[in-house]
Amino acid sequence: MSKETRRYMRLMVFFDLPVTTRENRRTYTLFRRFLLQDGYDMIQWSVYGRLVNGVDDVEKHVKRLNANLPPEGSVRCLQVTEKQFTQMRLLVGTRAFQEKKVNADQMLLF
């Protein structure tokens, strides 16, 4: 696939999981570890995102998410194009290290 035909997108995962009991905290930790091991970066608390290469890749990662969902809480995902993601405005705070250093063009080096 040539660089011109690639359609980079971001898959964003938003979640709100209960952490009131020891078992809830364990479930939260396992889900968070799954996201990190699957290539997601933390954008802010309970918001994770990863770069994907097209709609087929989005579907693959949504299936992985469905296979690792916690039994309680709320988990949502949203796909946006790379152009839409780069137009996100940061109103308060600073960008994370990964946001400053890595974009879709640099992912081609890996």
N, C-alpha and C. Protein backbone atom coordinates (compact mmCIF):
# COMPACT_ATOMS: atom_id res chain seq x y z
N MET A 1 0.85 -1.17 0.00
CA MET A 1 0.00 0.00 0.00
C MET A 1 0.89 1.23 0.00
N SER A 2 0.67 2.13 -0.94
CA SER A 2 1.51 3.32 -1.03
C SER A 2 1.10 4.35 0.01
N LYS A 3 1.98 5.30 0.24
CA LYS A 3 1.73 6.33 1.25
C LYS A 3 0.49 7.15 0.89
N GLU A 4 0.24 7.34 -0.39
CA GLU A 4 -0.89 8.15 -0.83
C GLU A 4 -2.22 7.46 -0.57
N THR A 5 -2.25 6.12 -0.58
CA THR A 5 -3.52 5.41 -0.41
C THR A 5 -3.80 5.02 1.04
N ARG A 6 -2.86 5.27 1.92
CA ARG A 6 -3.09 4.96 3.34
C ARG A 6 -4.05 5.99 3.93
N ARG A 7 -4.93 5.53 4.78
CA ARG A 7 -5.89 6.41 5.45
C ARG A 7 -5.70 6.25 6.95
N TYR A 8 -4.78 7.03 7.49
CA TYR A 8 -4.52 6.95 8.92
C TYR A 8 -5.68 7.53 9.71
N MET A 9 -6.02 6.85 10.77
CA MET A 9 -7.10 7.28 11.64
C MET A 9 -6.65 7.10 13.08
N ARG A 10 -7.40 7.65 14.00
CA ARG A 10 -7.17 7.45 15.42
C ARG A 10 -8.40 6.75 15.99
N LEU A 11 -8.14 5.76 16.79
CA LEU A 11 -9.21 5.09 17.52
C LEU A 11 -9.09 5.56 18.97
N MET A 12 -10.13 6.23 19.44
CA MET A 12 -10.14 6.78 20.78
C MET A 12 -11.03 5.91 21.66
N VAL A 13 -10.57 5.61 22.87
CA VAL A 13 -11.33 4.81 23.82
C VAL A 13 -11.53 5.66 25.08
N PHE A 14 -12.79 5.80 25.46
CA PHE A 14 -13.18 6.54 26.66
C PHE A 14 -13.80 5.55 27.62
N PHE A 15 -13.39 5.56 28.88
CA PHE A 15 -14.01 4.62 29.80
C PHE A 15 -14.16 5.21 31.19
N ASP A 16 -15.17 4.70 31.87
CA ASP A 16 -15.45 5.07 33.25
C ASP A 16 -15.78 3.77 33.96
N LEU A 17 -14.85 3.29 34.75
CA LEU A 17 -15.01 2.00 35.42
C LEU A 17 -15.06 2.19 36.93
N PRO A 18 -15.88 1.39 37.61
CA PRO A 18 -15.93 1.51 39.07
C PRO A 18 -14.63 1.01 39.71
N VAL A 19 -14.22 1.66 40.78
CA VAL A 19 -13.01 1.26 41.50
C VAL A 19 -13.27 1.24 43.00
N THR A 20 -14.48 0.89 43.39
CA THR A 20 -14.86 0.94 44.81
C THR A 20 -14.41 -0.30 45.58
N THR A 21 -14.28 -1.43 44.90
CA THR A 21 -13.85 -2.65 45.58
C THR A 21 -12.51 -3.11 45.03
N ARG A 22 -11.89 -4.03 45.74
CA ARG A 22 -10.60 -4.57 45.29
C ARG A 22 -10.74 -5.24 43.91
N GLU A 23 -11.81 -5.99 43.70
CA GLU A 23 -12.04 -6.65 42.41
C GLU A 23 -12.26 -5.63 41.28
N ASN A 24 -12.98 -4.54 41.58
CA ASN A 24 -13.18 -3.47 40.59
C ASN A 24 -11.85 -2.83 40.19
N ARG A 25 -10.99 -2.59 41.16
CA ARG A 25 -9.68 -1.99 40.87
C ARG A 25 -8.83 -2.93 40.03
N ARG A 26 -8.93 -4.23 40.32
CA ARG A 26 -8.19 -5.22 39.53
C ARG A 26 -8.68 -5.24 38.09
N THR A 27 -9.99 -5.19 37.90
CA THR A 27 -10.57 -5.16 36.56
C THR A 27 -10.12 -3.91 35.80
N TYR A 28 -10.14 -2.77 36.50
CA TYR A 28 -9.68 -1.51 35.89
C TYR A 28 -8.23 -1.63 35.44
N THR A 29 -7.39 -2.18 36.32
CA THR A 29 -5.96 -2.32 36.01
C THR A 29 -5.74 -3.25 34.83
N LEU A 30 -6.45 -4.35 34.78
CA LEU A 30 -6.31 -5.28 33.65
C LEU A 30 -6.73 -4.64 32.34
N PHE A 31 -7.82 -3.88 32.35
CA PHE A 31 -8.27 -3.23 31.12
C PHE A 31 -7.27 -2.17 30.68
N ARG A 32 -6.77 -1.39 31.62
CA ARG A 32 -5.77 -0.37 31.30
C ARG A 32 -4.49 -1.00 30.74
N ARG A 33 -4.05 -2.09 31.34
CA ARG A 33 -2.86 -2.79 30.83
C ARG A 33 -3.09 -3.33 29.43
N PHE A 34 -4.30 -3.86 29.18
CA PHE A 34 -4.62 -4.33 27.84
C PHE A 34 -4.47 -3.19 26.83
N LEU A 35 -5.02 -2.02 27.15
CA LEU A 35 -4.92 -0.89 26.23
C LEU A 35 -3.47 -0.52 25.95
N LEU A 36 -2.67 -0.45 26.99
CA LEU A 36 -1.26 -0.09 26.81
C LEU A 36 -0.51 -1.14 25.99
N GLN A 37 -0.77 -2.41 26.25
CA GLN A 37 -0.10 -3.48 25.51
C GLN A 37 -0.58 -3.56 24.06
N ASP A 38 -1.79 -3.07 23.79
CA ASP A 38 -2.33 -3.09 22.43
C ASP A 38 -1.93 -1.84 21.64
N GLY A 39 -1.10 -0.99 22.22
CA GLY A 39 -0.56 0.14 21.47
C GLY A 39 -1.26 1.47 21.70
N TYR A 40 -2.12 1.54 22.68
CA TYR A 40 -2.80 2.80 22.98
C TYR A 40 -1.90 3.67 23.85
N ASP A 41 -2.03 4.98 23.66
CA ASP A 41 -1.35 5.96 24.50
C ASP A 41 -2.40 6.70 25.32
N MET A 42 -2.05 7.00 26.56
CA MET A 42 -2.98 7.75 27.40
C MET A 42 -2.97 9.21 26.97
N ILE A 43 -4.12 9.73 26.62
CA ILE A 43 -4.25 11.14 26.24
C ILE A 43 -4.55 11.96 27.49
N GLN A 44 -5.46 11.46 28.30
CA GLN A 44 -5.72 12.00 29.62
C GLN A 44 -6.41 10.90 30.41
N TRP A 45 -6.74 11.16 31.69
CA TRP A 45 -7.32 10.11 32.52
C TRP A 45 -8.51 9.47 31.82
N SER A 46 -8.47 8.16 31.68
CA SER A 46 -9.55 7.36 31.11
C SER A 46 -9.85 7.68 29.65
N VAL A 47 -8.90 8.28 28.95
CA VAL A 47 -9.02 8.52 27.51
C VAL A 47 -7.73 8.04 26.87
N TYR A 48 -7.85 7.04 26.02
CA TYR A 48 -6.69 6.45 25.35
C TYR A 48 -6.91 6.49 23.86
N GLY A 49 -5.84 6.57 23.10
CA GLY A 49 -5.95 6.61 21.64
C GLY A 49 -4.79 5.88 21.00
N ARG A 50 -5.05 5.41 19.78
CA ARG A 50 -3.99 4.77 19.01
C ARG A 50 -4.17 5.08 17.53
N LEU A 51 -3.07 5.05 16.83
CA LEU A 51 -3.06 5.26 15.39
C LEU A 51 -3.38 3.95 14.71
N VAL A 52 -4.29 3.99 13.75
CA VAL A 52 -4.65 2.79 12.98
C VAL A 52 -4.56 3.12 11.49
N ASN A 53 -4.41 2.09 10.68
CA ASN A 53 -4.23 2.27 9.25
C ASN A 53 -5.49 1.80 8.52
N GLY A 54 -6.50 2.64 8.48
CA GLY A 54 -7.69 2.36 7.71
C GLY A 54 -8.80 1.69 8.50
N VAL A 55 -9.93 1.53 7.81
CA VAL A 55 -11.14 1.00 8.44
C VAL A 55 -10.97 -0.46 8.84
N ASP A 56 -10.26 -1.25 8.05
CA ASP A 56 -10.04 -2.65 8.41
C ASP A 56 -9.29 -2.78 9.74
N ASP A 57 -8.30 -1.93 9.93
CA ASP A 57 -7.54 -1.93 11.18
C ASP A 57 -8.42 -1.48 12.35
N VAL A 58 -9.32 -0.53 12.09
CA VAL A 58 -10.25 -0.09 13.14
C VAL A 58 -11.10 -1.28 13.58
N GLU A 59 -11.65 -2.01 12.62
CA GLU A 59 -12.51 -3.15 12.95
C GLU A 59 -11.74 -4.21 13.75
N LYS A 60 -10.49 -4.45 13.37
CA LYS A 60 -9.67 -5.42 14.10
C LYS A 60 -9.50 -5.01 15.56
N HIS A 61 -9.22 -3.74 15.79
CA HIS A 61 -8.99 -3.27 17.16
C HIS A 61 -10.29 -3.16 17.95
N VAL A 62 -11.41 -2.89 17.30
CA VAL A 62 -12.69 -2.88 18.00
C VAL A 62 -13.04 -4.30 18.45
N LYS A 63 -12.73 -5.30 17.63
CA LYS A 63 -12.95 -6.70 18.04
C LYS A 63 -12.08 -7.04 19.26
N ARG A 64 -10.83 -6.56 19.27
CA ARG A 64 -9.96 -6.80 20.42
C ARG A 64 -10.53 -6.12 21.67
N LEU A 65 -11.05 -4.91 21.50
CA LEU A 65 -11.66 -4.21 22.63
C LEU A 65 -12.85 -5.01 23.17
N ASN A 66 -13.72 -5.47 22.26
CA ASN A 66 -14.89 -6.25 22.68
C ASN A 66 -14.49 -7.51 23.42
N ALA A 67 -13.39 -8.11 23.04
CA ALA A 67 -12.94 -9.34 23.69
C ALA A 67 -12.36 -9.08 25.08
N ASN A 68 -12.00 -7.83 25.37
CA ASN A 68 -11.36 -7.50 26.65
C ASN A 68 -12.16 -6.52 27.49
N LEU A 69 -13.45 -6.39 27.21
CA LEU A 69 -14.27 -5.44 27.96
C LEU A 69 -14.47 -5.88 29.40
N PRO A 70 -14.45 -4.94 30.32
CA PRO A 70 -14.77 -5.26 31.72
C PRO A 70 -16.27 -5.52 31.86
N PRO A 71 -16.68 -6.28 32.89
CA PRO A 71 -18.10 -6.61 33.04
C PRO A 71 -18.97 -5.44 33.48
N GLU A 72 -18.39 -4.42 34.12
CA GLU A 72 -19.15 -3.27 34.60
C GLU A 72 -18.53 -1.98 34.09
N GLY A 73 -19.30 -0.90 34.18
CA GLY A 73 -18.79 0.40 33.80
C GLY A 73 -19.24 0.81 32.42
N SER A 74 -18.58 1.81 31.89
CA SER A 74 -18.92 2.36 30.58
C SER A 74 -17.64 2.48 29.75
N VAL A 75 -17.66 1.89 28.55
CA VAL A 75 -16.52 1.97 27.63
C VAL A 75 -17.07 2.38 26.27
N ARG A 76 -16.49 3.41 25.70
CA ARG A 76 -16.90 3.90 24.38
C ARG A 76 -15.67 4.03 23.49
N CYS A 77 -15.89 3.90 22.18
CA CYS A 77 -14.78 4.15 21.25
C CYS A 77 -15.27 5.04 20.12
N LEU A 78 -14.36 5.79 19.57
CA LEU A 78 -14.66 6.75 18.52
C LEU A 78 -13.51 6.73 17.53
N GLN A 79 -13.83 6.66 16.24
CA GLN A 79 -12.78 6.75 15.24
C GLN A 79 -12.83 8.12 14.58
N VAL A 80 -11.66 8.72 14.46
CA VAL A 80 -11.54 10.02 13.80
C VAL A 80 -10.37 9.94 12.84
N THR A 81 -10.41 10.76 11.80
CA THR A 81 -9.29 10.79 10.86
C THR A 81 -8.11 11.47 11.53
N GLU A 82 -6.95 11.24 10.99
CA GLU A 82 -5.74 11.86 11.54
C GLU A 82 -5.83 13.38 11.43
N LYS A 83 -6.43 13.88 10.36
CA LYS A 83 -6.58 15.32 10.20
C LYS A 83 -7.49 15.89 11.28
N GLN A 84 -8.60 15.20 11.58
CA GLN A 84 -9.48 15.65 12.65
C GLN A 84 -8.76 15.62 13.99
N PHE A 85 -7.98 14.58 14.23
CA PHE A 85 -7.25 14.46 15.50
C PHE A 85 -6.25 15.60 15.68
N THR A 86 -5.53 15.95 14.61
CA THR A 86 -4.53 17.00 14.73
C THR A 86 -5.16 18.37 14.90
N GLN A 87 -6.44 18.51 14.56
CA GLN A 87 -7.13 19.78 14.75
C GLN A 87 -7.75 19.92 16.14
N MET A 88 -7.55 18.92 16.99
CA MET A 88 -8.06 19.00 18.37
C MET A 88 -7.35 20.15 19.08
N ARG A 89 -8.12 20.93 19.80
CA ARG A 89 -7.55 22.08 20.52
C ARG A 89 -7.32 21.72 21.98
N LEU A 90 -6.17 22.06 22.46
CA LEU A 90 -5.83 21.88 23.87
C LEU A 90 -6.12 23.20 24.56
N LEU A 91 -7.14 23.21 25.42
CA LEU A 91 -7.58 24.46 26.02
C LEU A 91 -6.83 24.79 27.31
N VAL A 92 -6.52 23.78 28.13
CA VAL A 92 -5.79 23.98 29.37
C VAL A 92 -4.80 22.84 29.52
N GLY A 93 -3.59 23.12 29.97
CA GLY A 93 -2.60 22.08 30.18
C GLY A 93 -1.55 22.07 29.08
N THR A 94 -0.77 21.00 29.04
CA THR A 94 0.29 20.86 28.04
C THR A 94 0.13 19.52 27.34
N ARG A 95 0.66 19.43 26.15
CA ARG A 95 0.61 18.18 25.39
C ARG A 95 1.54 17.15 26.02
N ALA A 96 1.13 15.88 25.95
CA ALA A 96 1.96 14.80 26.45
C ALA A 96 3.17 14.64 25.52
N PHE A 97 4.21 13.99 26.02
CA PHE A 97 5.43 13.79 25.25
C PHE A 97 5.14 13.10 23.91
N GLN A 98 4.29 12.05 23.93
CA GLN A 98 3.98 11.32 22.70
C GLN A 98 3.27 12.21 21.69
N GLU A 99 2.41 13.10 22.14
CA GLU A 99 1.69 13.99 21.24
C GLU A 99 2.62 14.99 20.56
N LYS A 100 3.67 15.40 21.26
CA LYS A 100 4.61 16.35 20.70
C LYS A 100 5.52 15.70 19.67
N LYS A 101 5.91 14.45 19.91
CA LYS A 101 6.99 13.83 19.13
C LYS A 101 6.53 12.89 18.02
N VAL A 102 5.34 12.31 18.11
CA VAL A 102 4.95 11.27 17.15
C VAL A 102 3.68 11.68 16.42
N ASN A 103 3.75 11.65 15.08
CA ASN A 103 2.55 11.83 14.28
C ASN A 103 2.50 10.72 13.23
N ALA A 104 1.52 10.73 12.36
CA ALA A 104 1.33 9.64 11.41
C ALA A 104 2.52 9.49 10.46
N ASP A 105 3.13 10.59 10.03
CA ASP A 105 4.27 10.50 9.11
C ASP A 105 5.46 9.81 9.77
N GLN A 106 5.67 10.05 11.05
CA GLN A 106 6.78 9.43 11.74
C GLN A 106 6.55 7.97 12.03
N MET A 107 5.30 7.54 12.07
CA MET A 107 5.00 6.12 12.32
C MET A 107 5.50 5.25 11.18
N LEU A 108 5.70 5.80 10.01
CA LEU A 108 6.19 5.04 8.87
C LEU A 108 7.60 4.53 9.09
N LEU A 109 8.35 5.19 9.98
CA LEU A 109 9.73 4.79 10.23
C LEU A 109 9.84 3.49 10.99
N PHE A 110 8.80 3.13 11.73
CA PHE A 110 8.86 1.95 12.58
C PHE A 110 8.66 0.73 11.79
